[in-house]
Amino acid sequence: AKVQVLSVTHAPQVAARADAHFLISKSGVDRVSTSVEQMDRPARTEEIARMLAGAVITDEARAAAERLMREKA
């Protein structure tokens, strides 16, 4: 059976298991607008690395993000 799950998370270990990632952002002050964009593989890796490392993304964080995404099975 096919199953689709939508999850919103700040946990990189959870996010890395996804088949697809969407970046959701909002902008504006008086009138707020929200945008959703699907991320490609490099952007997904960078975002997982940012979730792992914080403000300064290191090569080690990128490598850890790659590992998490590879080991999702």
PDB file of N, CA and C in Angstrom:
ATOM      1  N   ALA A   1       0.845  -1.180   0.000  1.00  0.00           N
ATOM      2  CA  ALA A   1       0.000   0.000   0.000  1.00  0.00           C
ATOM      3  C   ALA A   1       0.890   1.242   0.000  1.00  0.00           C
ATOM      4  N   LYS A   2       0.466   2.259  -0.691  1.00  0.00           N
ATOM      5  CA  LYS A   2       1.201   3.522  -0.723  1.00  0.00           C
ATOM      6  C   LYS A   2       0.725   4.394   0.425  1.00  0.00           C
ATOM      7  N   VAL A   3       1.693   5.021   1.068  1.00  0.00           N
ATOM      8  CA  VAL A   3       1.387   5.886   2.197  1.00  0.00           C
ATOM      9  C   VAL A   3       2.117   7.200   2.007  1.00  0.00           C
ATOM     10  N   GLN A   4       1.472   8.287   2.341  1.00  0.00           N
ATOM     11  CA  GLN A   4       2.101   9.595   2.288  1.00  0.00           C
ATOM     12  C   GLN A   4       2.004  10.221   3.673  1.00  0.00           C
ATOM     13  N   VAL A   5       3.140  10.676   4.176  1.00  0.00           N
ATOM     14  CA  VAL A   5       3.186  11.294   5.492  1.00  0.00           C
ATOM     15  C   VAL A   5       3.789  12.679   5.350  1.00  0.00           C
ATOM     16  N   LEU A   6       3.163  13.659   5.939  1.00  0.00           N
ATOM     17  CA  LEU A   6       3.681  15.025   5.966  1.00  0.00           C
ATOM     18  C   LEU A   6       4.101  15.311   7.395  1.00  0.00           C
ATOM     19  N   SER A   7       5.352  15.698   7.558  1.00  0.00           N
ATOM     20  CA  SER A   7       5.878  15.960   8.894  1.00  0.00           C
ATOM     21  C   SER A   7       6.574  17.313   8.907  1.00  0.00           C
ATOM     22  N   VAL A   8       6.336  18.076   9.952  1.00  0.00           N
ATOM     23  CA  VAL A   8       7.037  19.334  10.166  1.00  0.00           C
ATOM     24  C   VAL A   8       7.934  19.103  11.369  1.00  0.00           C
ATOM     25  N   THR A   9       9.247  19.282  11.178  1.00  0.00           N
ATOM     26  CA  THR A   9      10.169  18.969  12.260  1.00  0.00           C
ATOM     27  C   THR A   9      11.366  19.909  12.266  1.00  0.00           C
ATOM     28  N   HIS A  10      11.952  20.032  13.420  1.00  0.00           N
ATOM     29  CA  HIS A  10      13.215  20.747  13.564  1.00  0.00           C
ATOM     30  C   HIS A  10      14.323  19.768  13.916  1.00  0.00           C
ATOM     31  N   ALA A  11      14.008  18.477  13.900  1.00  0.00           N
ATOM     32  CA  ALA A  11      14.985  17.438  14.233  1.00  0.00           C
ATOM     33  C   ALA A  11      15.651  16.930  12.956  1.00  0.00           C
ATOM     34  N   PRO A  12      16.951  17.141  12.802  1.00  0.00           N
ATOM     35  CA  PRO A  12      17.625  16.710  11.579  1.00  0.00           C
ATOM     36  C   PRO A  12      17.556  15.203  11.353  1.00  0.00           C
ATOM     37  N   GLN A  13      17.554  14.421  12.431  1.00  0.00           N
ATOM     38  CA  GLN A  13      17.481  12.967  12.301  1.00  0.00           C
ATOM     39  C   GLN A  13      16.143  12.532  11.706  1.00  0.00           C
ATOM     40  N   VAL A  14      15.094  13.257  11.994  1.00  0.00           N
ATOM     41  CA  VAL A  14      13.771  12.968  11.427  1.00  0.00           C
ATOM     42  C   VAL A  14      13.705  13.480   9.991  1.00  0.00           C
ATOM     43  N   ALA A  15      14.142  14.710   9.775  1.00  0.00           N
ATOM     44  CA  ALA A  15      14.077  15.325   8.444  1.00  0.00           C
ATOM     45  C   ALA A  15      14.886  14.543   7.413  1.00  0.00           C
ATOM     46  N   ALA A  16      16.014  13.982   7.831  1.00  0.00           N
ATOM     47  CA  ALA A  16      16.892  13.267   6.901  1.00  0.00           C
ATOM     48  C   ALA A  16      16.229  12.025   6.317  1.00  0.00           C
ATOM     49  N   ARG A  17      15.197  11.508   6.947  1.00  0.00           N
ATOM     50  CA  ARG A  17      14.527  10.294   6.477  1.00  0.00           C
ATOM     51  C   ARG A  17      13.534  10.556   5.336  1.00  0.00           C
ATOM     52  N   ALA A  18      13.275  11.803   5.057  1.00  0.00           N
ATOM     53  CA  ALA A  18      12.261  12.141   4.054  1.00  0.00           C
ATOM     54  C   ALA A  18      12.734  11.878   2.630  1.00  0.00           C
ATOM     55  N   ASP A  19      11.784  11.603   1.753  1.00  0.00           N
ATOM     56  CA  ASP A  19      12.067  11.453   0.325  1.00  0.00           C
ATOM     57  C   ASP A  19      12.091  12.812  -0.374  1.00  0.00           C
ATOM     58  N   ALA A  20      11.420  13.789   0.206  1.00  0.00           N
ATOM     59  CA  ALA A  20      11.361  15.137  -0.374  1.00  0.00           C
ATOM     60  C   ALA A  20      11.313  16.143   0.763  1.00  0.00           C
ATOM     61  N   HIS A  21      11.868  17.315   0.503  1.00  0.00           N
ATOM     62  CA  HIS A  21      11.852  18.389   1.488  1.00  0.00           C
ATOM     63  C   HIS A  21      11.283  19.648   0.855  1.00  0.00           C
ATOM     64  N   PHE A  22      10.531  20.384   1.657  1.00  0.00           N
ATOM     65  CA  PHE A  22       9.970  21.650   1.227  1.00  0.00           C
ATOM     66  C   PHE A  22      10.393  22.716   2.221  1.00  0.00           C
ATOM     67  N   LEU A  23      10.860  23.837   1.718  1.00  0.00           N
ATOM     68  CA  LEU A  23      11.230  24.960   2.569  1.00  0.00           C
ATOM     69  C   LEU A  23      10.027  25.886   2.664  1.00  0.00           C
ATOM     70  N   ILE A  24       9.560  26.110   3.871  1.00  0.00           N
ATOM     71  CA  ILE A  24       8.415  26.983   4.105  1.00  0.00           C
ATOM     72  C   ILE A  24       8.934  28.237   4.786  1.00  0.00           C
ATOM     73  N   SER A  25       8.649  29.392   4.194  1.00  0.00           N
ATOM     74  CA  SER A  25       9.126  30.646   4.772  1.00  0.00           C
ATOM     75  C   SER A  25       8.020  31.683   4.726  1.00  0.00           C
ATOM     76  N   LYS A  26       8.144  32.646   5.614  1.00  0.00           N
ATOM     77  CA  LYS A  26       7.164  33.726   5.614  1.00  0.00           C
ATOM     78  C   LYS A  26       7.901  35.056   5.604  1.00  0.00           C
ATOM     79  N   SER A  27       7.233  36.058   5.085  1.00  0.00           N
ATOM     80  CA  SER A  27       7.822  37.391   5.023  1.00  0.00           C
ATOM     81  C   SER A  27       6.723  38.431   5.210  1.00  0.00           C
ATOM     82  N   GLY A  28       7.146  39.621   5.555  1.00  0.00           N
ATOM     83  CA  GLY A  28       6.201  40.711   5.729  1.00  0.00           C
ATOM     84  C   GLY A  28       5.982  41.017   7.198  1.00  0.00           C
ATOM     85  N   VAL A  29       5.408  42.184   7.441  1.00  0.00           N
ATOM     86  CA  VAL A  29       5.128  42.608   8.811  1.00  0.00           C
ATOM     87  C   VAL A  29       3.632  42.806   8.980  1.00  0.00           C
ATOM     88  N   ASP A  30       3.078  43.790   8.303  1.00  0.00           N
ATOM     89  CA  ASP A  30       1.636  44.046   8.421  1.00  0.00           C
ATOM     90  C   ASP A  30       0.826  42.988   7.680  1.00  0.00           C
ATOM     91  N   ARG A  31       1.328  42.603   6.533  1.00  0.00           N
ATOM     92  CA  ARG A  31       0.670  41.566   5.733  1.00  0.00           C
ATOM     93  C   ARG A  31       1.693  40.463   5.505  1.00  0.00           C
ATOM     94  N   VAL A  32       1.459  39.334   6.124  1.00  0.00           N
ATOM     95  CA  VAL A  32       2.416  38.228   6.063  1.00  0.00           C
ATOM     96  C   VAL A  32       2.069  37.310   4.908  1.00  0.00           C
ATOM     97  N   SER A  33       3.104  36.913   4.177  1.00  0.00           N
ATOM     98  CA  SER A  33       2.913  35.986   3.076  1.00  0.00           C
ATOM     99  C   SER A  33       3.797  34.768   3.314  1.00  0.00           C
ATOM    100  N   THR A  34       3.293  33.605   2.967  1.00  0.00           N
ATOM    101  CA  THR A  34       4.009  32.349   3.155  1.00  0.00           C
ATOM    102  C   THR A  34       4.324  31.751   1.795  1.00  0.00           C
ATOM    103  N   SER A  35       5.541  31.212   1.673  1.00  0.00           N
ATOM    104  CA  SER A  35       5.894  30.549   0.414  1.00  0.00           C
ATOM    105  C   SER A  35       6.395  29.137   0.729  1.00  0.00           C
ATOM    106  N   VAL A  36       6.187  28.243  -0.231  1.00  0.00           N
ATOM    107  CA  VAL A  36       6.622  26.854  -0.106  1.00  0.00           C
ATOM    108  C   VAL A  36       7.377  26.508  -1.375  1.00  0.00           C
ATOM    109  N   GLU A  37       8.606  25.997  -1.206  1.00  0.00           N
ATOM    110  CA  GLU A  37       9.356  25.587  -2.389  1.00  0.00           C
ATOM    111  C   GLU A  37      10.018  24.235  -2.133  1.00  0.00           C
ATOM    112  N   GLN A  38       9.956  23.363  -3.138  1.00  0.00           N
ATOM    113  CA  GLN A  38      10.596  22.057  -3.015  1.00  0.00           C
ATOM    114  C   GLN A  38      12.102  22.232  -3.170  1.00  0.00           C
ATOM    115  N   MET A  39      12.856  21.548  -2.323  1.00  0.00           N
ATOM    116  CA  MET A  39      14.313  21.680  -2.318  1.00  0.00           C
ATOM    117  C   MET A  39      14.954  20.548  -3.111  1.00  0.00           C
ATOM    118  N   ASP A  40      16.024  20.871  -3.852  1.00  0.00           N
ATOM    119  CA  ASP A  40      16.773  19.836  -4.556  1.00  0.00           C
ATOM    120  C   ASP A  40      17.761  19.177  -3.581  1.00  0.00           C
ATOM    121  N   ARG A  41      18.452  18.146  -4.029  1.00  0.00           N
ATOM    122  CA  ARG A  41      19.337  17.380  -3.145  1.00  0.00           C
ATOM    123  C   ARG A  41      20.409  18.245  -2.459  1.00  0.00           C
ATOM    124  N   PRO A  42      21.134  19.112  -3.189  1.00  0.00           N
ATOM    125  CA  PRO A  42      22.132  19.943  -2.503  1.00  0.00           C
ATOM    126  C   PRO A  42      21.517  20.860  -1.440  1.00  0.00           C
ATOM    127  N   ALA A  43      20.369  21.432  -1.725  1.00  0.00           N
ATOM    128  CA  ALA A  43      19.712  22.313  -0.758  1.00  0.00           C
ATOM    129  C   ALA A  43      19.232  21.512   0.454  1.00  0.00           C
ATOM    130  N   ARG A  44      18.750  20.294   0.220  1.00  0.00           N
ATOM    131  CA  ARG A  44      18.316  19.425   1.318  1.00  0.00           C
ATOM    132  C   ARG A  44      19.491  19.111   2.238  1.00  0.00           C
ATOM    133  N   THR A  45      20.629  18.757   1.646  1.00  0.00           N
ATOM    134  CA  THR A  45      21.822  18.443   2.432  1.00  0.00           C
ATOM    135  C   THR A  45      22.261  19.651   3.246  1.00  0.00           C
ATOM    136  N   GLU A  46      22.261  20.815   2.630  1.00  0.00           N
ATOM    137  CA  GLU A  46      22.683  22.038   3.319  1.00  0.00           C
ATOM    138  C   GLU A  46      21.736  22.362   4.479  1.00  0.00           C
ATOM    139  N   GLU A  47      20.458  22.158   4.285  1.00  0.00           N
ATOM    140  CA  GLU A  47      19.488  22.451   5.341  1.00  0.00           C
ATOM    141  C   GLU A  47      19.634  21.471   6.512  1.00  0.00           C
ATOM    142  N   ILE A  48      19.838  20.198   6.224  1.00  0.00           N
ATOM    143  CA  ILE A  48      20.064  19.215   7.294  1.00  0.00           C
ATOM    144  C   ILE A  48      21.346  19.589   8.039  1.00  0.00           C
ATOM    145  N   ALA A  49      22.389  19.981   7.315  1.00  0.00           N
ATOM    146  CA  ALA A  49      23.648  20.401   7.945  1.00  0.00           C
ATOM    147  C   ALA A  49      23.426  21.622   8.826  1.00  0.00           C
ATOM    148  N   ARG A  50      22.612  22.568   8.372  1.00  0.00           N
ATOM    149  CA  ARG A  50      22.310  23.758   9.177  1.00  0.00           C
ATOM    150  C   ARG A  50      21.570  23.366  10.453  1.00  0.00           C
ATOM    151  N   MET A  51      20.658  22.413  10.326  1.00  0.00           N
ATOM    152  CA  MET A  51      19.923  21.944  11.498  1.00  0.00           C
ATOM    153  C   MET A  51      20.870  21.279  12.503  1.00  0.00           C
ATOM    154  N   LEU A  52      21.884  20.611  12.005  1.00  0.00           N
ATOM    155  CA  LEU A  52      22.854  19.948  12.878  1.00  0.00           C
ATOM    156  C   LEU A  52      23.818  20.931  13.522  1.00  0.00           C
ATOM    157  N   ALA A  53      24.288  21.914  12.744  1.00  0.00           N
ATOM    158  CA  ALA A  53      25.395  22.763  13.183  1.00  0.00           C
ATOM    159  C   ALA A  53      24.976  24.114  13.748  1.00  0.00           C
ATOM    160  N   GLY A  54      23.854  24.632  13.333  1.00  0.00           N
ATOM    161  CA  GLY A  54      23.480  25.981  13.756  1.00  0.00           C
ATOM    162  C   GLY A  54      23.916  27.009  12.729  1.00  0.00           C
ATOM    163  N   ALA A  55      24.319  28.173  13.193  1.00  0.00           N
ATOM    164  CA  ALA A  55      24.600  29.309  12.307  1.00  0.00           C
ATOM    165  C   ALA A  55      25.781  29.078  11.373  1.00  0.00           C
ATOM    166  N   VAL A  56      26.830  28.422  11.861  1.00  0.00           N
ATOM    167  CA  VAL A  56      28.028  28.199  11.042  1.00  0.00           C
ATOM    168  C   VAL A  56      28.052  26.737  10.600  1.00  0.00           C
ATOM    169  N   ILE A  57      27.835  26.531   9.305  1.00  0.00           N
ATOM    170  CA  ILE A  57      27.787  25.166   8.766  1.00  0.00           C
ATOM    171  C   ILE A  57      29.199  24.719   8.417  1.00  0.00           C
ATOM    172  N   THR A  58      29.625  23.632   9.013  1.00  0.00           N
ATOM    173  CA  THR A  58      30.978  23.117   8.795  1.00  0.00           C
ATOM    174  C   THR A  58      30.957  21.961   7.807  1.00  0.00           C
ATOM    175  N   ASP A  59      32.132  21.620   7.297  1.00  0.00           N
ATOM    176  CA  ASP A  59      32.242  20.450   6.419  1.00  0.00           C
ATOM    177  C   ASP A  59      31.837  19.181   7.155  1.00  0.00           C
ATOM    178  N   GLU A  60      32.143  19.135   8.460  1.00  0.00           N
ATOM    179  CA  GLU A  60      31.761  17.977   9.269  1.00  0.00           C
ATOM    180  C   GLU A  60      30.241  17.841   9.351  1.00  0.00           C
ATOM    181  N   ALA A  61      29.558  18.965   9.486  1.00  0.00           N
ATOM    182  CA  ALA A  61      28.089  18.946   9.534  1.00  0.00           C
ATOM    183  C   ALA A  61      27.519  18.498   8.193  1.00  0.00           C
ATOM    184  N   ARG A  62      28.132  18.950   7.104  1.00  0.00           N
ATOM    185  CA  ARG A  62      27.679  18.521   5.772  1.00  0.00           C
ATOM    186  C   ARG A  62      27.874  17.010   5.602  1.00  0.00           C
ATOM    187  N   ALA A  63      29.014  16.502   6.057  1.00  0.00           N
ATOM    188  CA  ALA A  63      29.285  15.060   5.960  1.00  0.00           C
ATOM    189  C   ALA A  63      28.285  14.279   6.812  1.00  0.00           C
ATOM    190  N   ALA A  64      27.980  14.778   7.997  1.00  0.00           N
ATOM    191  CA  ALA A  64      27.008  14.113   8.864  1.00  0.00           C
ATOM    192  C   ALA A  64      25.620  14.138   8.226  1.00  0.00           C
ATOM    193  N   ALA A  65      25.267  15.248   7.592  1.00  0.00           N
ATOM    194  CA  ALA A  65      23.980  15.350   6.905  1.00  0.00           C
ATOM    195  C   ALA A  65      23.902  14.335   5.769  1.00  0.00           C
ATOM    196  N   GLU A  66      24.963  14.227   4.991  1.00  0.00           N
ATOM    197  CA  GLU A  66      25.015  13.233   3.904  1.00  0.00           C
ATOM    198  C   GLU A  66      24.819  11.825   4.454  1.00  0.00           C
ATOM    199  N   ARG A  67      25.505  11.522   5.555  1.00  0.00           N
ATOM    200  CA  ARG A  67      25.391  10.189   6.172  1.00  0.00           C
ATOM    201  C   ARG A  67      23.966   9.926   6.622  1.00  0.00           C
ATOM    202  N   LEU A  68      23.367  10.906   7.297  1.00  0.00           N
ATOM    203  CA  LEU A  68      21.980  10.728   7.762  1.00  0.00           C
ATOM    204  C   LEU A  68      21.021  10.482   6.596  1.00  0.00           C
ATOM    205  N   MET A  69      21.220  11.223   5.513  1.00  0.00           N
ATOM    206  CA  MET A  69      20.327  11.069   4.368  1.00  0.00           C
ATOM    207  C   MET A  69      20.545   9.732   3.656  1.00  0.00           C
ATOM    208  N   ARG A  70      21.784   9.277   3.617  1.00  0.00           N
ATOM    209  CA  ARG A  70      22.094   7.972   3.001  1.00  0.00           C
ATOM    210  C   ARG A  70      21.547   6.807   3.818  1.00  0.00           C
ATOM    211  N   GLU A  71      21.583   6.938   5.124  1.00  0.00           N
ATOM    212  CA  GLU A  71      21.227   5.849   6.027  1.00  0.00           C
ATOM    213  C   GLU A  71      19.768   5.854   6.417  1.00  0.00           C
ATOM    214  N   LYS A  72      18.932   6.490   5.655  1.00  0.00           N
ATOM    215  CA  LYS A  72      17.533   6.645   6.053  1.00  0.00           C
ATOM    216  C   LYS A  72      16.723   5.352   6.035  1.00  0.00           C
ATOM    217  N   ALA A  73      17.219   4.338   5.400  1.00  0.00           N
ATOM    218  CA  ALA A  73      16.447   3.091   5.269  1.00  0.00           C
ATOM    219  C   ALA A  73      16.257   2.361   6.537  1.00  0.00           C
TER     220      ALA A  73
END
